[in-house]
Amino acid sequence: MRTAQITRNTKETQISLSLNLDGTGSTEIQTGIGFLDHMLTLLAYHGDFDLTLTAHGDHETTGMDPHHVTEDIAIALGKCIAEALGDKRGIMRYGNFTIPMDEALVTTDLDISGRPYLVFNADLSGNPKLGGYDTEMTEEFFRALSYNAGITAHINEHYGKNTHHIIEGMFKSYARALKKAVSIDDQKVNEIPSSKGII
């Protein structure tokens, strides 16, 4: 099984995370941010990987916004994805998925390229907060995740009105695209999916 775990402690956050890319979508998640817990649960469920996560941040003790803990969770998750994939031998590498979420439509296209990049096209200005979650952190989350996992990702909101639905569509479409990309190509199990021979 392709697994990884990380403990990341800074002056701002304390994070413990374990990941199994070949799981069933089971989760144990506690971040102190209800909406983020919900989105991470969806990410694991629709990606079919197991995720155990405990996170604490300075927002709990100082009243600051949860910027640091949200970004650091994404950093830890990205690093675990990269570690679990190893040399990326046999993976499909590319994935894309479009999610209709009620009135919203969101597509994620990604390449586990080793060349981290994020293109993020969405308007989340309609609702700046969802519970204790700052919606502007959505782009920062996916940037930190993609950069630390070595993924080129394009996330595009085609249309939508409800900010919750748009963000949920992003997490679900990213998860489904990632599930495709990390899946094993039965015809090229022992090959690195690059003409260069390395990713």
C-alpha atoms as a PDB file:
ATOM      1  CA  MET A   1       0.000   0.000   0.000  1.00  0.00           C
ATOM      2  CA  ARG A   2       1.118   3.551  -0.737  1.00  0.00           C
ATOM      3  CA  THR A   3       1.158   5.255   2.645  1.00  0.00           C
ATOM      4  CA  ALA A   4       2.833   8.179   4.372  1.00  0.00           C
ATOM      5  CA  GLN A   5       2.606  10.082   7.619  1.00  0.00           C
ATOM      6  CA  ILE A   6       3.900  13.369   8.895  1.00  0.00           C
ATOM      7  CA  THR A   7       4.062  15.359  12.091  1.00  0.00           C
ATOM      8  CA  ARG A   8       4.500  19.052  11.447  1.00  0.00           C
ATOM      9  CA  ASN A   9       5.019  21.376  14.420  1.00  0.00           C
ATOM     10  CA  THR A  10       5.640  25.101  14.081  1.00  0.00           C
ATOM     11  CA  LYS A  11       5.140  28.082  16.369  1.00  0.00           C
ATOM     12  CA  GLU A  12       1.753  28.516  14.690  1.00  0.00           C
ATOM     13  CA  THR A  13       0.409  24.984  14.170  1.00  0.00           C
ATOM     14  CA  GLN A  14       0.688  21.382  15.312  1.00  0.00           C
ATOM     15  CA  ILE A  15      -0.372  18.817  12.724  1.00  0.00           C
ATOM     16  CA  SER A  16      -0.358  15.021  12.687  1.00  0.00           C
ATOM     17  CA  LEU A  17      -1.451  13.403   9.437  1.00  0.00           C
ATOM     18  CA  SER A  18      -1.417   9.909   7.966  1.00  0.00           C
ATOM     19  CA  LEU A  19      -2.484   8.972   4.440  1.00  0.00           C
ATOM     20  CA  ASN A  20      -3.182   5.748   2.569  1.00  0.00           C
ATOM     21  CA  LEU A  21      -3.691   6.315  -1.147  1.00  0.00           C
ATOM     22  CA  ASP A  22      -4.994   2.767  -1.556  1.00  0.00           C
ATOM     23  CA  GLY A  23      -7.698   3.040   1.048  1.00  0.00           C
ATOM     24  CA  THR A  24     -11.471   3.084   1.089  1.00  0.00           C
ATOM     25  CA  GLY A  25     -12.205   6.713   1.911  1.00  0.00           C
ATOM     26  CA  SER A  26     -12.287   6.343   5.691  1.00  0.00           C
ATOM     27  CA  THR A  27     -11.428   9.398   7.782  1.00  0.00           C
ATOM     28  CA  GLU A  28     -10.722  10.633  11.277  1.00  0.00           C
ATOM     29  CA  ILE A  29     -10.388  14.408  10.996  1.00  0.00           C
ATOM     30  CA  GLN A  30     -10.234  17.100  13.668  1.00  0.00           C
ATOM     31  CA  THR A  31      -9.077  20.560  12.632  1.00  0.00           C
ATOM     32  CA  GLY A  32     -11.278  22.743  14.819  1.00  0.00           C
ATOM     33  CA  ILE A  33     -12.823  24.215  11.654  1.00  0.00           C
ATOM     34  CA  GLY A  34     -16.090  22.464  10.902  1.00  0.00           C
ATOM     35  CA  PHE A  35     -16.360  23.379   7.231  1.00  0.00           C
ATOM     36  CA  LEU A  36     -12.748  22.363   6.571  1.00  0.00           C
ATOM     37  CA  ASP A  37     -13.365  19.027   8.304  1.00  0.00           C
ATOM     38  CA  HIS A  38     -16.310  18.527   5.956  1.00  0.00           C
ATOM     39  CA  MET A  39     -14.274  19.380   2.836  1.00  0.00           C
ATOM     40  CA  LEU A  40     -11.357  17.130   3.841  1.00  0.00           C
ATOM     41  CA  THR A  41     -13.787  14.291   4.505  1.00  0.00           C
ATOM     42  CA  LEU A  42     -15.173  14.744   0.983  1.00  0.00           C
ATOM     43  CA  LEU A  43     -11.644  14.889  -0.451  1.00  0.00           C
ATOM     44  CA  ALA A  44     -10.746  11.538   1.107  1.00  0.00           C
ATOM     45  CA  TYR A  45     -14.095   9.887   0.379  1.00  0.00           C
ATOM     46  CA  HIS A  46     -14.161  10.817  -3.303  1.00  0.00           C
ATOM     47  CA  GLY A  47     -10.441  10.127  -3.715  1.00  0.00           C
ATOM     48  CA  ASP A  48     -10.793   6.687  -2.105  1.00  0.00           C
ATOM     49  CA  PHE A  49      -7.900   7.304   0.273  1.00  0.00           C
ATOM     50  CA  ASP A  50      -7.794   6.988   4.037  1.00  0.00           C
ATOM     51  CA  LEU A  51      -6.958  10.130   5.986  1.00  0.00           C
ATOM     52  CA  THR A  52      -6.287  10.573   9.676  1.00  0.00           C
ATOM     53  CA  LEU A  53      -5.672  14.168  10.732  1.00  0.00           C
ATOM     54  CA  THR A  54      -5.406  16.117  13.950  1.00  0.00           C
ATOM     55  CA  ALA A  55      -4.579  19.803  13.726  1.00  0.00           C
ATOM     56  CA  HIS A  56      -4.278  22.662  16.192  1.00  0.00           C
ATOM     57  CA  GLY A  57      -3.461  26.259  15.359  1.00  0.00           C
ATOM     58  CA  ASP A  58      -2.932  29.708  16.799  1.00  0.00           C
ATOM     59  CA  HIS A  59      -6.544  30.599  15.997  1.00  0.00           C
ATOM     60  CA  GLU A  60      -7.559  28.473  18.990  1.00  0.00           C
ATOM     61  CA  THR A  61      -5.455  30.403  21.506  1.00  0.00           C
ATOM     62  CA  THR A  62      -5.129  33.895  20.054  1.00  0.00           C
ATOM     63  CA  GLY A  63      -8.403  34.396  18.223  1.00  0.00           C
ATOM     64  CA  MET A  64      -6.558  34.815  14.921  1.00  0.00           C
ATOM     65  CA  ASP A  65      -8.150  33.643  11.704  1.00  0.00           C
ATOM     66  CA  PRO A  66      -7.434  30.002  10.759  1.00  0.00           C
ATOM     67  CA  HIS A  67      -5.125  30.937   7.865  1.00  0.00           C
ATOM     68  CA  HIS A  68      -2.059  29.177   9.255  1.00  0.00           C
ATOM     69  CA  VAL A  69      -3.690  25.885  10.153  1.00  0.00           C
ATOM     70  CA  THR A  70      -5.541  25.657   6.818  1.00  0.00           C
ATOM     71  CA  GLU A  71      -2.382  26.244   4.796  1.00  0.00           C
ATOM     72  CA  ASP A  72      -0.219  23.974   6.954  1.00  0.00           C
ATOM     73  CA  ILE A  73      -2.711  21.115   6.654  1.00  0.00           C
ATOM     74  CA  ALA A  74      -2.452  21.439   2.881  1.00  0.00           C
ATOM     75  CA  ILE A  75       1.347  21.471   3.065  1.00  0.00           C
ATOM     76  CA  ALA A  76       1.354  18.302   5.184  1.00  0.00           C
ATOM     77  CA  LEU A  77      -1.161  16.554   2.932  1.00  0.00           C
ATOM     78  CA  GLY A  78       0.789  17.475  -0.199  1.00  0.00           C
ATOM     79  CA  LYS A  79       4.037  16.160   1.273  1.00  0.00           C
ATOM     80  CA  CYS A  80       2.322  12.897   2.217  1.00  0.00           C
ATOM     81  CA  ILE A  81       0.922  12.460  -1.292  1.00  0.00           C
ATOM     82  CA  ALA A  82       4.392  12.962  -2.780  1.00  0.00           C
ATOM     83  CA  GLU A  83       5.970  10.522  -0.329  1.00  0.00           C
ATOM     84  CA  ALA A  84       3.271   7.881  -0.817  1.00  0.00           C
ATOM     85  CA  LEU A  85       3.699   8.027  -4.604  1.00  0.00           C
ATOM     86  CA  GLY A  86       7.456   7.454  -4.427  1.00  0.00           C
ATOM     87  CA  ASP A  87       8.971   7.432  -7.924  1.00  0.00           C
ATOM     88  CA  LYS A  88       5.412   7.444  -9.377  1.00  0.00           C
ATOM     89  CA  ARG A  89       6.035   4.198 -11.231  1.00  0.00           C
ATOM     90  CA  GLY A  90       2.922   2.824 -12.923  1.00  0.00           C
ATOM     91  CA  ILE A  91       0.554   5.721 -12.185  1.00  0.00           C
ATOM     92  CA  MET A  92      -1.797   7.154 -14.787  1.00  0.00           C
ATOM     93  CA  ARG A  93      -0.342  10.594 -13.967  1.00  0.00           C
ATOM     94  CA  TYR A  94      -3.180  12.660 -15.486  1.00  0.00           C
ATOM     95  CA  GLY A  95      -6.675  13.106 -14.143  1.00  0.00           C
ATOM     96  CA  ASN A  96      -9.662  15.343 -14.715  1.00  0.00           C
ATOM     97  CA  PHE A  97     -13.191  15.500 -13.404  1.00  0.00           C
ATOM     98  CA  THR A  98     -16.177  17.830 -13.606  1.00  0.00           C
ATOM     99  CA  ILE A  99     -18.595  18.034 -10.690  1.00  0.00           C
ATOM    100  CA  PRO A 100     -22.093  19.504 -10.898  1.00  0.00           C
ATOM    101  CA  MET A 101     -23.013  20.674  -7.410  1.00  0.00           C
ATOM    102  CA  ASP A 102     -26.584  21.898  -7.645  1.00  0.00           C
ATOM    103  CA  GLU A 103     -26.338  25.225  -9.536  1.00  0.00           C
ATOM    104  CA  ALA A 104     -22.510  25.190  -9.623  1.00  0.00           C
ATOM    105  CA  LEU A 105     -20.219  23.441 -12.091  1.00  0.00           C
ATOM    106  CA  VAL A 106     -16.510  22.955 -11.343  1.00  0.00           C
ATOM    107  CA  THR A 107     -13.730  21.147 -13.220  1.00  0.00           C
ATOM    108  CA  THR A 108     -10.295  20.081 -12.004  1.00  0.00           C
ATOM    109  CA  ASP A 109      -7.578  18.981 -14.432  1.00  0.00           C
ATOM    110  CA  LEU A 110      -4.291  17.818 -12.959  1.00  0.00           C
ATOM    111  CA  ASP A 111      -0.947  16.318 -13.856  1.00  0.00           C
ATOM    112  CA  ILE A 112       1.329  14.684 -11.284  1.00  0.00           C
ATOM    113  CA  SER A 113       4.185  16.258 -13.162  1.00  0.00           C
ATOM    114  CA  GLY A 114       6.759  17.138 -10.528  1.00  0.00           C
ATOM    115  CA  ARG A 115       6.288  20.704 -11.757  1.00  0.00           C
ATOM    116  CA  PRO A 116       3.986  22.290  -9.183  1.00  0.00           C
ATOM    117  CA  TYR A 117       1.585  24.932 -10.428  1.00  0.00           C
ATOM    118  CA  LEU A 118      -1.935  26.109  -9.731  1.00  0.00           C
ATOM    119  CA  VAL A 119      -4.390  27.892 -11.993  1.00  0.00           C
ATOM    120  CA  PHE A 120      -7.448  28.878  -9.960  1.00  0.00           C
ATOM    121  CA  ASN A 121     -10.398  30.519 -11.660  1.00  0.00           C
ATOM    122  CA  ALA A 122     -13.318  31.114  -9.332  1.00  0.00           C
ATOM    123  CA  ASP A 123     -15.305  33.888  -7.719  1.00  0.00           C
ATOM    124  CA  LEU A 124     -15.791  33.198  -4.017  1.00  0.00           C
ATOM    125  CA  SER A 125     -16.526  36.800  -3.066  1.00  0.00           C
ATOM    126  CA  GLY A 126     -20.226  36.130  -2.528  1.00  0.00           C
ATOM    127  CA  ASN A 127     -19.651  34.735   0.950  1.00  0.00           C
ATOM    128  CA  PRO A 128     -16.323  35.486   2.690  1.00  0.00           C
ATOM    129  CA  LYS A 129     -16.948  33.117   5.608  1.00  0.00           C
ATOM    130  CA  LEU A 130     -18.588  29.731   5.998  1.00  0.00           C
ATOM    131  CA  GLY A 131     -18.767  29.153   9.719  1.00  0.00           C
ATOM    132  CA  GLY A 132     -15.195  29.533  10.961  1.00  0.00           C
ATOM    133  CA  TYR A 133     -13.722  29.000   7.495  1.00  0.00           C
ATOM    134  CA  ASP A 134     -12.438  31.908   5.396  1.00  0.00           C
ATOM    135  CA  THR A 135     -13.436  31.166   1.822  1.00  0.00           C
ATOM    136  CA  GLU A 136     -10.432  33.073   0.428  1.00  0.00           C
ATOM    137  CA  MET A 137      -8.279  30.302   1.943  1.00  0.00           C
ATOM    138  CA  THR A 138      -9.598  27.854  -0.648  1.00  0.00           C
ATOM    139  CA  GLU A 139      -7.123  29.024  -3.267  1.00  0.00           C
ATOM    140  CA  GLU A 140      -4.303  29.003  -0.705  1.00  0.00           C
ATOM    141  CA  PHE A 141      -5.226  25.464   0.327  1.00  0.00           C
ATOM    142  CA  PHE A 142      -5.098  24.096  -3.197  1.00  0.00           C
ATOM    143  CA  ARG A 143      -1.902  26.030  -3.965  1.00  0.00           C
ATOM    144  CA  ALA A 144      -0.106  24.602  -0.927  1.00  0.00           C
ATOM    145  CA  LEU A 145      -1.461  21.112  -1.622  1.00  0.00           C
ATOM    146  CA  SER A 146      -0.482  21.126  -5.292  1.00  0.00           C
ATOM    147  CA  TYR A 147       2.949  22.667  -4.749  1.00  0.00           C
ATOM    148  CA  ASN A 148       3.938  20.235  -2.018  1.00  0.00           C
ATOM    149  CA  ALA A 149       2.601  17.210  -3.905  1.00  0.00           C
ATOM    150  CA  GLY A 150       4.352  18.230  -7.141  1.00  0.00           C
ATOM    151  CA  ILE A 151       1.086  18.592  -9.038  1.00  0.00           C
ATOM    152  CA  THR A 152       0.083  20.911 -11.862  1.00  0.00           C
ATOM    153  CA  ALA A 153      -3.575  21.694 -11.189  1.00  0.00           C
ATOM    154  CA  HIS A 154      -6.155  23.788 -12.997  1.00  0.00           C
ATOM    155  CA  ILE A 155      -9.360  24.408 -11.043  1.00  0.00           C
ATOM    156  CA  ASN A 156     -12.106  26.195 -12.928  1.00  0.00           C
ATOM    157  CA  GLU A 157     -15.521  27.302 -11.754  1.00  0.00           C
ATOM    158  CA  HIS A 158     -17.670  27.370 -14.878  1.00  0.00           C
ATOM    159  CA  TYR A 159     -20.565  28.977 -13.019  1.00  0.00           C
ATOM    160  CA  GLY A 160     -22.274  29.000  -9.664  1.00  0.00           C
ATOM    161  CA  LYS A 161     -23.957  31.218  -7.095  1.00  0.00           C
ATOM    162  CA  ASN A 162     -23.705  29.435  -3.765  1.00  0.00           C
ATOM    163  CA  THR A 163     -20.172  29.674  -2.345  1.00  0.00           C
ATOM    164  CA  HIS A 164     -20.555  26.464  -0.351  1.00  0.00           C
ATOM    165  CA  HIS A 165     -21.551  24.581  -3.485  1.00  0.00           C
ATOM    166  CA  ILE A 166     -18.667  26.021  -5.525  1.00  0.00           C
ATOM    167  CA  ILE A 167     -16.050  25.098  -2.926  1.00  0.00           C
ATOM    168  CA  GLU A 168     -17.555  21.659  -2.396  1.00  0.00           C
ATOM    169  CA  GLY A 169     -17.404  21.113  -6.150  1.00  0.00           C
ATOM    170  CA  MET A 170     -13.712  22.009  -6.063  1.00  0.00           C
ATOM    171  CA  PHE A 171     -12.842  19.514  -3.342  1.00  0.00           C
ATOM    172  CA  LYS A 172     -14.871  16.752  -4.969  1.00  0.00           C
ATOM    173  CA  SER A 173     -13.523  17.359  -8.478  1.00  0.00           C
ATOM    174  CA  TYR A 174      -9.930  17.593  -7.211  1.00  0.00           C
ATOM    175  CA  ALA A 175     -10.431  14.321  -5.328  1.00  0.00           C
ATOM    176  CA  ARG A 176     -11.866  12.494  -8.327  1.00  0.00           C
ATOM    177  CA  ALA A 177      -9.152  13.834 -10.636  1.00  0.00           C
ATOM    178  CA  LEU A 178      -6.474  12.800  -8.134  1.00  0.00           C
ATOM    179  CA  LYS A 179      -8.017   9.343  -7.827  1.00  0.00           C
ATOM    180  CA  LYS A 180      -7.638   8.923 -11.604  1.00  0.00           C
ATOM    181  CA  ALA A 181      -4.104  10.286 -11.661  1.00  0.00           C
ATOM    182  CA  VAL A 182      -2.732   8.047  -8.885  1.00  0.00           C
ATOM    183  CA  SER A 183      -4.458   4.921 -10.181  1.00  0.00           C
ATOM    184  CA  ILE A 184      -2.221   2.229 -11.641  1.00  0.00           C
ATOM    185  CA  ASP A 185      -2.019   1.723 -15.406  1.00  0.00           C
ATOM    186  CA  ASP A 186      -2.219  -2.061 -15.737  1.00  0.00           C
ATOM    187  CA  GLN A 187      -0.376  -1.960 -19.070  1.00  0.00           C
ATOM    188  CA  LYS A 188       2.546   0.072 -17.696  1.00  0.00           C
ATOM    189  CA  VAL A 189       2.855  -1.057 -14.089  1.00  0.00           C
ATOM    190  CA  ASN A 190       6.654  -0.869 -14.049  1.00  0.00           C
ATOM    191  CA  GLU A 191       7.093   2.280 -16.105  1.00  0.00           C
ATOM    192  CA  ILE A 192       7.643   5.875 -15.045  1.00  0.00           C
ATOM    193  CA  PRO A 193       4.893   7.782 -16.901  1.00  0.00           C
ATOM    194  CA  SER A 194       7.246  10.181 -18.656  1.00  0.00           C
ATOM    195  CA  SER A 195       9.335  10.038 -21.821  1.00  0.00           C
ATOM    196  CA  LYS A 196      12.166  11.461 -19.672  1.00  0.00           C
ATOM    197  CA  GLY A 197      12.129   8.375 -17.458  1.00  0.00           C
ATOM    198  CA  ILE A 198      11.714  10.480 -14.331  1.00  0.00           C
ATOM    199  CA  ILE A 199       9.098  12.770 -12.819  1.00  0.00           C
END
